[in-house]
Protein backbone atom coordinates (compact mmCIF):
# COMPACT_ATOMS: atom_id res chain seq x y z
CA MET A 1 0.09 0.09 0.03
CA GLU A 2 1.31 3.43 -0.52
CA ARG A 3 2.17 5.60 1.89
CA GLN A 4 0.33 8.92 2.27
CA PHE A 5 4.09 10.59 2.40
CA ASP A 6 4.69 9.21 -0.85
CA LYS A 7 1.52 10.36 -2.56
CA GLU A 8 2.19 13.84 -1.13
CA LEU A 9 5.68 13.59 -2.79
CA ASN A 10 3.95 12.95 -6.40
CA GLU A 11 1.60 15.63 -5.40
CA LEU A 12 4.93 17.70 -5.14
CA ARG A 13 6.54 16.30 -7.98
CA GLU A 14 3.28 16.82 -10.41
CA MET A 15 2.75 20.46 -9.01
CA LEU A 16 6.44 21.47 -10.16
CA SER A 17 5.41 19.72 -13.68
CA TYR A 18 2.82 21.69 -14.22
CA MET A 19 4.96 24.69 -13.24
CA ALA A 20 7.52 24.03 -15.96
CA SER A 21 5.09 23.41 -18.41
CA LEU A 22 3.46 27.01 -17.55
CA VAL A 23 6.78 28.92 -17.86
CA GLU A 24 7.75 26.88 -21.03
CA ASN A 25 4.67 27.85 -22.65
CA MET A 26 5.28 31.43 -21.44
CA ILE A 27 8.85 31.68 -23.30
CA ASP A 28 7.08 30.22 -26.53
CA THR A 29 4.23 32.52 -26.32
CA ALA A 30 6.37 35.37 -26.09
CA VAL A 31 8.94 34.78 -28.83
CA LYS A 32 5.89 33.75 -30.69
CA ALA A 33 4.24 37.39 -30.67
CA LEU A 34 8.06 38.66 -31.26
CA MET A 35 8.45 36.86 -34.51
CA GLU A 36 4.89 36.74 -35.74
CA ARG A 37 4.54 40.30 -34.46
CA LYS A 38 1.13 39.28 -32.62
CA PRO A 39 0.60 41.33 -29.66
CA GLU A 40 -2.60 40.18 -29.08
CA ILE A 41 -1.31 36.90 -27.44
CA LEU A 42 0.92 38.68 -25.07
CA GLY A 43 -1.58 38.71 -22.53
CA GLU A 44 -1.56 35.02 -22.03
CA ILE A 45 2.09 35.55 -20.43
CA PHE A 46 0.49 37.59 -18.13
CA ASN A 47 -2.61 35.47 -17.06
CA ALA A 48 0.22 32.48 -16.69
CA GLU A 49 2.27 34.29 -14.77
CA THR A 50 -0.49 34.92 -12.14
CA GLU A 51 -0.86 31.17 -12.15
CA VAL A 52 2.77 30.37 -11.76
CA ASN A 53 3.25 32.97 -8.84
CA LYS A 54 -0.04 30.98 -7.43
CA LYS A 55 1.53 27.63 -7.71
CA HIS A 56 4.79 28.88 -6.47
CA ILE A 57 3.57 29.64 -3.10
CA GLU A 58 1.78 26.25 -3.09
CA VAL A 59 4.53 24.60 -3.80
CA ASP A 60 6.22 26.08 -0.74
CA GLU A 61 3.53 25.89 1.65
CA LEU A 62 3.42 21.90 1.12
CA CYS A 63 6.99 21.72 1.28
CA LEU A 64 6.86 23.44 4.67
CA ARG A 65 4.03 21.26 5.84
CA LEU A 66 5.74 18.37 4.75
CA LEU A 67 9.09 19.43 6.62
CA ALA A 68 7.26 19.83 9.68
CA LEU A 69 4.81 17.05 9.86
CA ARG A 70 6.88 14.30 8.34
CA GLN A 71 10.40 14.85 9.70
CA PRO A 72 11.47 13.20 6.48
CA ALA A 73 15.39 12.12 6.52
CA ALA A 74 18.25 11.46 3.92
CA MET A 75 16.86 11.13 0.36
CA ASP A 76 13.51 12.33 1.18
CA LEU A 77 14.62 15.17 2.99
CA ARG A 78 17.10 16.13 0.06
CA PHE A 79 13.95 15.87 -2.01
CA ILE A 80 11.94 18.16 -0.64
CA THR A 81 14.50 21.06 0.00
CA SER A 82 15.83 20.50 -3.90
CA ALA A 83 12.02 21.27 -4.61
CA MET A 84 11.60 24.58 -2.67
CA LYS A 85 14.81 25.88 -4.32
CA ILE A 86 13.35 24.37 -7.69
CA ASN A 87 10.14 26.36 -6.95
CA SER A 88 11.81 29.31 -7.10
CA GLU A 89 13.88 28.89 -10.03
CA LEU A 90 10.97 28.06 -11.75
CA GLU A 91 9.03 31.40 -10.63
CA ARG A 92 12.28 33.09 -12.05
CA ILE A 93 11.95 31.78 -15.27
CA GLY A 94 8.44 32.78 -15.64
CA ASP A 95 9.69 36.18 -14.54
CA GLN A 96 12.12 36.19 -17.50
CA ALA A 97 9.24 35.07 -19.75
CA VAL A 98 7.48 38.20 -18.50
CA ASN A 99 10.77 40.48 -19.21
CA ILE A 100 10.93 38.98 -22.80
CA SER A 101 6.99 39.85 -23.70
CA GLN A 102 7.61 43.83 -22.13
CA ASN A 103 10.39 44.13 -24.76
CA THR A 104 8.47 42.53 -27.36
CA ALA A 105 5.71 44.79 -26.76
CA ASN A 106 8.29 47.44 -27.53
CA LEU A 107 9.46 45.98 -30.44
CA ILE A 108 5.97 45.33 -32.17
CA GLN A 109 5.25 49.10 -31.89
CA GLN A 110 7.87 49.98 -34.21
CA ALA A 111 7.60 49.99 -37.89
CA PHE A 112 10.76 48.59 -38.51
CA PHE A 113 11.28 44.54 -38.27
CA THR A 114 13.66 41.63 -38.97
CA LYS A 115 13.67 37.94 -38.50
CA PHE A 116 16.80 37.59 -36.29
CA THR A 117 16.40 33.91 -36.50
CA ILE A 118 18.78 33.39 -33.91
CA ILE A 119 16.33 34.55 -31.16
CA PRO A 120 14.14 31.40 -31.94
CA GLN A 121 16.93 28.79 -31.61
CA MET A 122 18.05 29.83 -28.62
CA THR A 123 14.36 29.81 -27.34
CA GLU A 124 14.23 26.50 -28.47
CA VAL A 125 17.32 25.22 -26.88
CA ALA A 126 16.22 27.31 -23.47
CA LYS A 127 12.51 25.37 -23.29
CA VAL A 128 14.25 22.03 -23.96
CA MET A 129 16.52 22.66 -21.10
CA VAL A 130 13.42 23.78 -18.78
CA LYS A 131 11.61 20.78 -19.78
CA ASP A 132 14.65 18.17 -19.40
CA SER A 133 15.83 20.07 -16.25
CA ILE A 134 12.24 19.26 -14.60
CA LYS A 135 12.31 15.56 -16.31
CA ALA A 136 15.65 15.01 -14.27
CA PHE A 137 14.40 15.78 -11.16
CA ILE A 138 11.25 13.48 -11.47
CA THR A 139 13.13 10.81 -12.93
CA ARG A 140 16.46 11.48 -10.69
CA ASP A 141 18.40 11.48 -13.98
CA ILE A 142 21.86 12.49 -13.05
CA GLU A 143 22.99 11.77 -16.63
CA LEU A 144 20.38 14.27 -17.90
CA ALA A 145 21.15 16.96 -15.36
CA LYS A 146 24.80 16.99 -16.44
CA ASN A 147 23.65 17.04 -19.60
CA ILE A 148 21.71 20.50 -19.28
CA LEU A 149 25.04 22.17 -17.58
CA LEU A 150 26.66 21.44 -21.02
CA ARG A 151 23.92 22.39 -23.29
CA ASP A 152 24.36 25.58 -21.16
CA ASN A 153 27.70 26.48 -22.88
CA GLU A 154 25.83 26.34 -26.21
CA LEU A 155 23.16 29.04 -24.93
CA ASP A 156 26.14 31.02 -23.50
CA LYS A 157 27.72 30.71 -27.06
CA GLN A 158 24.45 31.68 -29.12
CA LYS A 159 24.28 34.70 -26.76
CA LYS A 160 27.57 35.93 -27.47
CA GLU A 161 27.00 35.68 -31.34
CA VAL A 162 23.86 37.52 -31.07
CA PHE A 163 25.80 40.06 -29.20
CA ARG A 164 28.15 40.35 -32.14
CA LYS A 165 25.52 40.29 -34.92
CA LEU A 166 23.32 42.86 -32.89
CA ILE A 167 26.79 45.50 -32.15
CA ASN A 168 27.28 45.45 -35.86
CA SER A 169 23.73 46.24 -36.52
CA ILE A 170 24.05 48.88 -34.38
CA ILE A 171 26.83 50.11 -36.05
CA GLU A 172 25.80 49.91 -39.51
CA ASP A 173 21.54 51.09 -38.74
CA PRO A 174 22.36 53.75 -35.93
CA ALA A 175 18.42 55.01 -36.79
CA HIS A 176 17.06 51.30 -35.10
CA ALA A 177 19.81 50.81 -32.36
CA GLU A 178 16.81 51.07 -29.94
CA TYR A 179 15.29 47.87 -32.00
CA PHE A 180 18.42 46.15 -31.62
CA ILE A 181 19.12 46.92 -28.01
CA ASP A 182 15.72 45.60 -27.30
CA LEU A 183 16.66 42.20 -29.11
CA LEU A 184 19.96 42.17 -26.91
CA LEU A 185 17.81 42.23 -23.78
CA ILE A 186 15.76 39.26 -25.02
CA SER A 187 18.65 37.17 -26.10
CA ARG A 188 19.81 37.84 -21.99
CA ASN A 189 16.76 36.93 -20.97
CA LEU A 190 17.07 33.44 -22.44
CA GLU A 191 20.54 33.20 -21.13
CA LYS A 192 19.04 33.79 -17.68
CA ILE A 193 16.39 31.12 -18.49
CA GLY A 194 19.46 28.64 -19.05
CA ASP A 195 21.08 29.59 -16.08
CA HIS A 196 17.85 28.66 -14.09
CA THR A 197 17.88 25.49 -15.47
CA THR A 198 21.40 24.96 -14.76
CA ASN A 199 20.75 25.90 -11.07
CA ILE A 200 17.72 23.16 -11.35
CA SER A 201 20.22 20.76 -12.41
CA GLU A 202 22.62 21.27 -9.90
CA ASP A 203 19.91 20.80 -7.30
CA VAL A 204 18.84 17.60 -8.99
CA ILE A 205 22.69 16.27 -8.64
CA PHE A 206 22.59 17.24 -4.78
CA MET A 207 19.03 15.59 -4.32
CA VAL A 208 20.67 12.30 -5.70
CA LEU A 209 24.22 12.34 -4.81
CA GLY A 210 24.15 14.53 -1.84
CA GLN A 211 26.89 16.24 -3.72
CA ASP A 212 27.06 20.22 -3.98
CA ILE A 213 28.61 21.36 -6.81
CA ARG A 214 27.22 24.80 -7.16
CA HIS A 215 30.88 26.53 -6.41
CA HIS A 216 32.86 23.73 -7.82
CA HIS A 217 32.47 21.16 -10.92
CA LEU A 218 31.37 17.81 -10.80
CA PHE A 219 32.88 16.96 -13.81
CA ASP A 220 34.67 19.17 -16.57
CA LYS A 221 31.92 21.23 -18.29
CA ALA A 222 34.68 22.48 -21.19
């Protein structure tokens, strides 16, 4: 028979999976609005943010209740404390999606438009990193968590390429400098999303192995 505690832990997993799907959709919608110039869909992001913030509180409350009433030890304790940290990372990813939508709103208002394809490319990398980081947490998959840490390097390289191209664009077309700067800010938001997923991956490694790799590497990321 399944323990009540196990049911509560499963509920916690489901809540975090739901939050991850919400923020992933927020990222997708924000960049879709940018690339297809659809300001009417930006409202979906703010509605989703309200739901993410609500779940953020509910997850923390559940974690605190489990810590107080169940007094977990060993793996269960690491699972719950990691869940609390991952919960905060997901909420911050949602904030980054909101930032993208705000910059997108500014960009759409301008008559000038350029299909800067590396932005949707970065978006796809970031979305998969979000999905896989939660999958690693749910399945306790250390190898997947390590792989996400490596993929963050890819996102960083894309961000540097965006920076180089946009600086050149500003030099060549200073009349549209504001437009290019907003694109640069969006690429920075996407890079930060990658940073949050690496934090989640580090929490997964801590949960499973009990090793804290935040300030030193478990393996060579280069």
